[in-house]
Amino acid sequence: MDENYIKAAALIKSAQSLIAFTGAGVSVESGIPSFRGENGIWNKYDPQCLELDYFFSQPKDAWIVIKEIFYDFFGAASPNKAHEVLAQMEKEGMLQCVVTQNIDNLHQEAGSREVYEFHGNSQKMICTQCGKTYWPQEVDLNNLPPLCSDDRSILKPDFVFFGEGIPEVAYQKSFEAARNADVVLVIGTTGEVMPASMIPMEAKRNGATIIEINTETSNYSNQITDIFLRGAAGEVLAKLGKMIF
């Protein structure tokens, strides 16, 4: 077994406050592509559909694309081994929380309970007027844009659009967890999206050891990473799981 795996497993088992920081690479093995990169979603779709001003000025056009990406496509995805191992780590009392940039709800579906969704959750919708929330199965997506049953205002997916702020509670809890962590698993993220990319940096400033799991080097690799485990998230976490459980 690679020496880095032995070191990583030992750190995970001895950690006082272990957190995971996850990005699109965690969900790739569930069939969800990343938004950026060679085969990213924005190579196929125009990202303006997720610009807040465009959404309110052209809600039907925006919703046609949103439905295809987030409900026809994302809705069919299931958790993979990476999600399952992280959920098991929490169940075993090893992992304090998952801070995720993903909006696909797969961490929760795998069984994770303490999940801070930095960019929101596509599997919830919110009324833009009264704030009432809905699950996709409660909404007729054959008639777009979907409307609130109470006040007939437009529903919006409950994730962060371009031009929209980070949810305050998720922001505060994520950075608090980073400041308190002594070990951080950075998984499947390039570290390019601000301000989320600063979360592992905050942990490092406060003395945390960084274990990075990625298929390629990231913005973190040569700056803050202490142990780099190269590979797909599900494969790497499956190996670690056998060593720590």
Foldseek 3Di string as FASTA:
>chain_A
DDPLLVVVLVCLQPWPAEEEEEEPLQCVVQVQADQDDDPHPCVPDPLCLQAPVCCVVPVQVSLVVLCVRQPVRLVPTEHFLLLLLQQVCVVVVRHDEYEYCDQSCRNVRSHGDHYQHQFYHQQKKAFPPPGDIDGPVVWDSVDPPTADPPPRGGIDRGGHGVVGHTPPVSVVVLQVSLLPTQEYEYEADQLPDPPSSCSVVSNVVNHHAYEYEEQDHHPCNVPGHDRYDHDRSSVSSVVSSVVND
